[in-house]
Protein backbone atom coordinates (compact mmCIF):
# COMPACT_ATOMS: atom_id res chain seq x y z
CA MET A 1 98.90 94.47 114.35
CA ASN A 2 101.89 95.95 112.85
CA ARG A 3 103.35 94.20 109.84
CA SER A 4 106.90 94.54 108.53
CA ILE A 5 107.02 93.71 104.81
CA LEU A 6 110.11 92.63 102.88
CA PHE A 7 109.77 92.71 99.08
CA LEU A 8 112.04 90.51 97.01
CA PHE A 9 111.67 90.41 93.25
CA GLY A 10 113.50 88.39 90.65
CA SER A 11 113.25 88.47 86.90
CA LEU A 12 115.72 86.62 84.72
CA ILE A 13 115.98 84.48 81.60
CA LEU A 14 116.82 80.81 82.02
CA LEU A 15 117.90 78.47 79.23
CA LEU A 16 116.98 74.94 80.21
CA ASP A 17 118.42 71.86 78.47
CA CYS A 18 115.97 68.95 78.65
CA SER A 19 117.82 66.54 76.33
CA ALA A 20 118.81 64.14 79.10
CA ALA A 21 115.24 63.92 80.31
CA HIS A 22 113.64 63.39 76.93
CA GLY A 23 116.26 61.56 74.92
CA GLN A 24 116.47 64.18 72.19
CA GLY A 25 117.45 67.81 71.89
CA CYS A 26 115.08 70.05 73.85
CA ALA A 27 115.63 73.66 74.73
CA THR A 28 113.05 76.07 76.09
CA THR A 29 113.27 79.59 77.46
CA LEU A 30 111.46 80.60 80.64
CA SER A 31 111.17 84.24 81.65
CA PRO A 32 110.07 84.22 85.34
CA HIS A 33 108.19 87.09 87.00
CA PHE A 34 107.97 85.92 90.59
CA SER A 35 108.12 87.69 93.94
CA VAL A 36 108.54 86.58 97.56
CA TYR A 37 106.89 88.65 100.30
CA THR A 38 107.67 88.04 103.96
CA GLY A 39 106.00 89.50 107.04
CA ILE A 40 106.53 89.52 110.80
CA SER A 41 103.88 90.65 113.27
CA ARG A 42 103.50 90.42 117.04
CA ASP A 43 100.87 90.21 119.73
CA GLY A 44 102.32 90.21 123.23
CA TYR A 45 104.92 87.41 123.34
CA ASN A 46 103.55 85.75 120.19
CA ILE A 47 105.48 85.96 116.92
CA TYR A 48 103.65 85.52 113.61
CA THR A 49 105.50 84.98 110.31
CA SER A 50 104.19 84.73 106.78
CA VAL A 51 105.81 83.88 103.45
CA THR A 52 104.00 84.49 100.17
CA MET A 53 105.28 83.27 96.81
CA GLN A 54 103.49 84.55 93.72
CA GLY A 55 103.93 85.32 90.04
CA TYR A 56 104.00 83.76 86.59
CA ALA A 57 106.40 82.85 83.78
CA ASP A 58 106.53 83.60 80.08
CA VAL A 59 107.34 80.41 78.16
CA PHE A 60 109.08 80.23 74.79
CA PRO A 61 109.22 76.52 73.80
CA GLY A 62 112.00 75.17 71.62
CA PRO A 63 111.90 72.22 69.19
CA GLY A 64 111.15 68.89 70.83
CA CYS A 65 109.97 70.34 74.16
CA PRO A 66 106.58 69.01 75.33
CA MET A 67 105.60 72.26 77.09
CA ASN A 68 102.00 71.74 75.99
CA THR A 69 101.79 68.97 78.61
CA ALA A 70 103.94 70.69 81.27
CA THR A 71 102.53 72.09 84.50
CA HIS A 72 103.88 74.67 86.96
CA HIS A 73 103.28 75.31 90.65
CA VAL A 74 104.92 77.41 93.39
CA GLY A 75 105.99 76.70 96.97
CA ALA A 76 106.55 78.86 100.07
CA GLU A 77 108.79 77.71 102.93
CA ASN A 78 108.36 79.13 106.44
CA ASP A 79 111.00 77.69 108.82
CA LEU A 80 110.40 79.26 112.25
CA ASP A 81 112.64 78.25 115.17
CA ASN A 82 113.96 75.28 113.13
CA VAL A 83 110.44 73.90 112.52
CA ASP A 84 110.22 73.64 108.74
CA HIS A 85 106.97 73.91 106.80
CA TRP A 86 106.18 74.20 103.08
CA SER A 87 102.91 75.17 101.41
CA TYR A 88 102.30 74.62 97.70
CA SER A 89 99.85 75.94 95.15
CA ALA A 90 97.85 73.68 92.89
CA ASN A 91 99.36 72.71 89.53
CA GLY A 92 98.45 74.87 86.57
CA CYS A 93 99.46 75.80 83.05
CA PRO A 94 103.05 77.00 82.44
CA THR A 95 101.92 80.63 81.95
CA CYS A 96 99.31 80.71 84.74
CA TYR A 97 99.55 83.10 87.70
CA PHE A 98 100.25 81.36 91.01
CA SER A 99 100.11 82.45 94.64
CA VAL A 100 100.58 80.60 97.92
CA THR A 101 101.07 81.77 101.52
CA ASP A 102 102.41 79.88 104.52
CA ASN A 103 101.66 81.27 108.02
CA GLU A 104 103.37 80.12 111.21
CA GLN A 105 103.45 81.31 114.83
CA MET A 106 105.24 80.72 118.11
CA SER A 107 105.60 82.24 121.59
CA GLY A 108 108.98 83.88 122.19
CA ASP A 109 110.94 85.05 125.21
CA PRO A 110 112.17 88.67 125.32
CA GLY A 111 115.85 88.97 124.46
CA VAL A 112 116.11 85.56 122.72
CA THR A 113 116.84 85.54 118.99
CA TYR A 114 114.98 82.82 117.09
CA PRO A 115 116.10 81.45 113.71
CA TRP A 116 113.76 82.05 110.82
CA CYS A 117 114.37 80.94 107.23
CA TRP A 118 112.10 81.48 104.27
CA ASP A 119 112.13 80.37 100.65
CA GLY A 120 109.98 80.71 97.54
CA ASP A 121 110.32 78.36 94.56
CA ALA A 122 108.76 78.08 91.10
CA ILE A 123 108.63 74.48 89.88
CA CYS A 124 108.10 73.02 86.40
CA SER A 125 107.02 69.39 85.86
CA VAL A 126 109.49 69.11 82.98
CA VAL A 127 112.64 70.82 84.29
CA GLY A 128 112.09 71.06 88.06
CA THR A 129 112.77 74.22 90.09
CA PHE A 130 113.57 77.09 87.71
CA TRP A 131 113.38 80.12 90.06
CA GLY A 132 113.85 80.70 93.78
CA ASN A 133 114.67 83.29 96.41
CA SER A 134 115.44 82.77 100.09
CA GLY A 135 116.80 84.32 103.30
CA CYS A 136 117.52 83.51 106.95
CA PRO A 137 117.08 86.55 109.23
CA GLY A 138 116.76 86.11 112.98
CA ILE A 139 113.76 87.31 114.99
CA LEU A 140 114.26 88.83 118.44
CA GLY A 141 111.73 87.81 121.07
CA CYS A 142 109.85 90.83 122.41
CA LEU A 143 106.76 91.81 124.36
CA SER A 144 104.88 94.01 121.91
CA PRO A 145 101.43 95.58 121.92
CA SER A 146 99.02 94.69 119.15
CA THR A 147 96.71 97.68 119.64
CA GLU A 148 97.01 101.32 120.67
CA ALA A 149 94.10 103.64 121.46
CA THR A 150 94.43 107.45 121.46
CA THR A 151 92.40 109.74 123.74
CA ASP A 152 92.42 113.53 123.44
CA GLN A 153 93.04 115.21 126.80
CA GLY A 154 92.51 118.78 125.69
CA PHE A 155 94.56 121.84 124.89
CA ASN A 156 97.45 123.15 127.01
CA GLY A 157 97.47 126.93 126.74
CA GLY A 158 100.90 127.23 128.32
CA SER A 159 102.65 125.16 125.68
CA TYR A 160 100.12 125.75 122.89
CA ARG A 161 99.87 121.99 122.39
CA GLU A 162 97.03 119.50 122.08
CA GLN A 163 97.68 116.65 124.54
CA PHE A 164 96.97 112.98 123.86
CA ASP A 165 96.94 109.98 126.22
CA MET A 166 97.58 106.53 124.67
CA THR A 167 96.66 103.04 125.90
CA ILE A 168 98.49 99.97 124.56
CA SER A 169 97.44 96.33 124.93
CA ASP A 170 97.63 92.81 123.56
CA THR A 171 95.10 89.98 123.45
CA ALA A 172 96.66 88.25 126.47
CA GLY A 173 96.26 91.31 128.71
CA ASP A 174 100.00 91.64 129.44
CA SER A 175 101.42 94.58 131.38
CA PHE A 176 103.70 96.97 129.49
CA ASP A 177 104.29 99.20 132.51
CA GLY A 178 107.93 100.23 132.81
CA TYR A 179 108.73 99.61 129.15
CA TYR A 180 110.10 102.47 127.06
CA ASN A 181 108.53 103.52 123.81
CA GLN A 182 109.59 106.14 121.29
CA GLU A 183 108.51 107.91 118.13
CA VAL A 184 110.35 107.79 114.79
CA ASN A 185 109.65 109.17 111.34
CA ALA A 186 107.82 106.48 109.40
CA ALA A 187 107.90 108.56 106.19
CA PRO A 188 108.53 112.19 105.17
CA GLY A 189 105.71 114.50 106.17
CA ALA A 190 103.78 116.93 104.00
CA ASN A 191 103.08 120.58 104.74
CA ALA A 192 100.43 122.48 102.77
CA CYS A 193 101.15 125.53 104.96
CA TRP A 194 104.69 125.75 103.55
CA TRP A 195 105.81 127.97 100.68
CA PRO A 196 109.20 128.36 98.98
CA GLY A 197 111.51 130.53 101.06
CA SER A 198 109.45 130.20 104.25
CA ARG A 199 111.02 129.32 107.58
CA LEU A 200 108.71 126.31 107.95
CA ALA A 201 109.67 122.70 107.31
CA GLN A 202 108.43 121.43 103.94
CA HIS A 203 108.57 117.81 105.14
CA PRO A 204 107.99 117.97 108.91
CA GLY A 205 108.62 115.05 111.21
CA VAL A 206 108.62 113.90 114.80
CA GLN A 207 111.12 115.05 117.42
CA GLY A 208 112.19 111.54 118.50
CA SER A 209 110.61 111.77 121.95
CA GLN A 210 110.56 108.84 124.37
CA TRP A 211 108.09 107.90 127.09
CA THR A 212 107.76 105.38 129.91
CA VAL A 213 104.67 103.19 129.66
CA GLY A 214 102.59 103.25 132.83
CA THR A 215 103.04 106.99 133.46
CA VAL A 216 101.12 109.95 132.03
CA ALA A 217 102.19 113.47 133.02
CA GLY A 218 103.80 112.09 136.17
CA VAL A 219 100.74 110.07 137.21
CA SER A 220 100.72 106.25 137.20
CA GLU A 221 98.27 104.78 134.69
CA HIS A 222 98.41 101.07 133.81
CA ASN A 223 99.43 100.48 130.18
CA HIS A 224 99.07 104.18 129.36
CA TRP A 225 101.74 106.54 128.05
CA GLY A 226 101.82 110.27 127.30
CA TYR A 227 101.28 113.01 126.93
CA ASP A 228 102.06 113.23 123.26
CA SER A 229 101.87 117.02 122.96
CA ILE A 230 101.39 118.20 119.39
CA GLY A 231 101.01 121.52 117.57
CA TRP A 232 102.69 124.48 115.92
CA ASP A 233 104.39 127.09 118.08
CA LEU A 234 102.26 130.21 118.47
CA GLY A 235 104.82 132.30 116.58
CA ASP A 236 104.64 129.88 113.64
CA LEU A 237 100.84 130.05 113.60
CA ASP A 238 101.08 133.85 113.45
CA TYR A 239 103.64 133.53 110.65
CA ILE A 240 101.41 131.19 108.62
CA VAL A 241 98.22 133.29 108.75
CA GLN A 242 100.03 136.60 108.20
CA ASN A 243 102.26 135.52 105.31
CA GLY A 244 100.57 132.47 103.83
CA PRO A 245 97.88 134.20 101.73
CA SER A 246 100.37 136.37 99.83
CA ASN A 247 102.50 133.29 99.12
CA GLY A 248 99.77 131.13 97.63
CA VAL A 249 98.75 129.13 100.72
CA THR A 250 95.12 128.00 100.60
CA PHE A 251 93.28 127.86 103.93
CA PRO A 252 92.61 125.74 105.78
CA CYS A 253 96.08 124.27 105.25
CA VAL A 254 97.04 120.87 106.64
CA THR A 255 100.37 119.56 107.90
CA THR A 256 100.71 115.75 108.02
CA ILE A 257 103.32 113.83 110.04
CA HIS A 258 103.77 110.07 109.79
CA GLN A 259 104.67 108.88 113.29
CA GLY A 260 106.07 105.39 113.81
CA MET A 261 105.73 104.05 117.36
CA GLN A 262 108.35 101.63 118.69
CA ILE A 263 108.72 99.71 121.95
CA MET A 264 112.08 98.70 123.42
CA CYS A 265 112.54 94.94 123.25
CA ASN A 266 115.99 94.52 124.75
CA ALA A 267 119.25 96.47 125.06
CA ASN A 268 118.21 99.39 122.85
CA THR A 269 116.62 97.09 120.27
CA TRP A 270 113.29 98.50 119.17
CA TRP A 271 110.24 97.03 117.45
CA GLN A 272 107.86 99.27 115.52
CA TYR A 273 104.36 98.23 116.51
CA ARG A 274 102.32 100.98 114.87
CA THR A 275 102.26 103.90 112.43
CA ASP A 276 100.00 106.89 113.14
CA ASP A 277 99.09 109.90 111.03
CA ILE A 278 99.21 113.25 112.80
CA THR A 279 97.45 116.20 111.17
CA ILE A 280 97.58 119.88 112.13
CA THR A 281 95.00 122.05 110.37
CA VAL A 282 95.44 125.84 110.38
CA ASP A 283 92.65 128.20 109.30
CA ASN A 284 92.57 131.99 109.01
CA ASN A 285 88.82 132.63 109.01
CA PRO A 286 88.84 132.79 111.96
CA ASN A 287 92.37 131.96 113.09
CA SER A 288 92.35 128.44 114.53
CA GLU A 289 94.39 125.25 114.88
CA GLU A 290 93.00 121.70 115.01
CA VAL A 291 95.28 118.78 115.94
CA CYS A 292 94.50 115.11 115.31
CA ARG A 293 96.43 111.96 116.22
CA ASP A 294 95.40 108.61 114.72
CA GLY A 295 91.95 109.97 113.92
CA GLU A 296 91.35 111.41 117.41
CA CYS A 297 90.95 115.20 117.14
CA GLY A 298 90.95 118.04 119.59
CA ILE A 299 88.50 120.92 119.39
CA PRO A 300 89.80 123.69 117.07
CA VAL A 301 91.51 126.35 119.18
CA GLY A 302 91.53 130.01 118.20
CA PHE A 303 94.57 132.25 118.40
CA ALA A 304 95.16 135.97 117.88
CA TYR A 305 98.12 137.64 116.20
CA ARG A 306 100.06 139.97 118.49
CA SER A 307 102.00 142.48 116.38
CA GLY A 308 105.50 143.58 117.28
CA ARG A 309 107.59 142.06 120.04
CA GLN A 310 105.83 139.34 122.00
CA SER A 311 105.07 140.91 125.37
CA THR A 312 104.53 137.50 126.97
CA TRP A 313 106.99 134.61 127.09
CA TRP A 314 105.47 131.26 126.18
CA ALA A 315 106.59 127.73 126.97
CA ARG A 316 107.06 124.89 124.51
CA THR A 317 106.50 121.59 126.34
CA LEU A 318 107.48 118.49 124.41
CA ASN A 319 105.96 115.88 126.73
CA SER A 320 104.67 117.35 129.94
CA GLY A 321 105.36 115.36 133.10
CA ASP A 322 107.35 112.56 131.42
CA THR A 323 110.85 111.45 132.43
CA PHE A 324 112.14 112.57 129.05
CA SER A 325 110.32 115.92 129.01
CA VAL A 326 112.08 119.03 127.79
CA VAL A 327 110.78 122.54 128.41
CA ALA A 328 112.15 125.23 126.14
CA TRP A 329 111.34 128.92 126.51
CA ARG A 330 111.25 131.05 123.40
CA ASP A 331 111.23 134.77 122.63
CA HIS A 332 109.52 135.39 119.30
CA ARG A 333 112.36 137.67 118.18
CA HIS A 334 114.82 134.76 118.30
CA VAL A 335 112.75 131.82 117.08
CA THR A 336 114.39 130.03 114.15
CA ALA A 337 112.79 127.69 111.64
CA LYS A 338 111.18 124.70 113.37
CA GLU A 339 109.18 121.68 112.43
CA ALA A 340 105.64 121.21 113.54
CA ARG A 341 105.66 119.23 116.81
């Protein structure tokens, strides 16, 4: 279940005057170190929210302040669709570490935006609330998968790509057929096959392809999507094994791409339901390429270097058979620098 985390941190010095409460001069200094973490996750039509408040405070008592008898505790507010709920930690010493989490859930309708407000407070028995952070973002209702399974469908020699077929689902067994999904870069990639001055991408990423759920390579398959066709172009594989050793590349070398998967909720609004790691391993003894998506790997495929002009044209298929497929033909003499994928 994908989880979107928002990190909010506050650290400040507060001077608190307690004279009115205690009848004589009282000043103490609190240095708070608290954080509020919020999360949203989905399973089908269900929306799950969490608010965690945690941290501690440094206390510097002033004359006349009874901080030796004071207690602290923290609270987390989780107001989902105007239904308010607070959870509190137990009381503890003023310098103790506190943590509390409030979890809520509801069923939402696609396209409807639901109000959601959260708050985190640190509370002292002597001076009351002395730190807080809050926000009120909206949450768009959406039908979202909670799981995705990857199946390797073998190597396509025409495109020089490993092909993967994905199945998405939720616990309610909903149909996602007809929904669009797409890939985005979840984080910069890493390329151990790269060297300074090479034509390869040092931080490779996805191409931004889109698919229609319920169709794989032009064939209807319930809750499936694909193919996700992955691999280096043949010319780039030749380039790596021929030039890598003299430029310090150690074989096998691995390229890693961090692929975020999103599903369209409504009117071009997307929800990221998963992040997958894609790895492409190139070896030169013998020459081979192995492609893995989300831990599912194809069989390593050998390739041979063909010196001089490529005598055979070769096709690069982004997503074979899909509505959004693009087929690009390349001549090795005119290939420019490209990312893996």
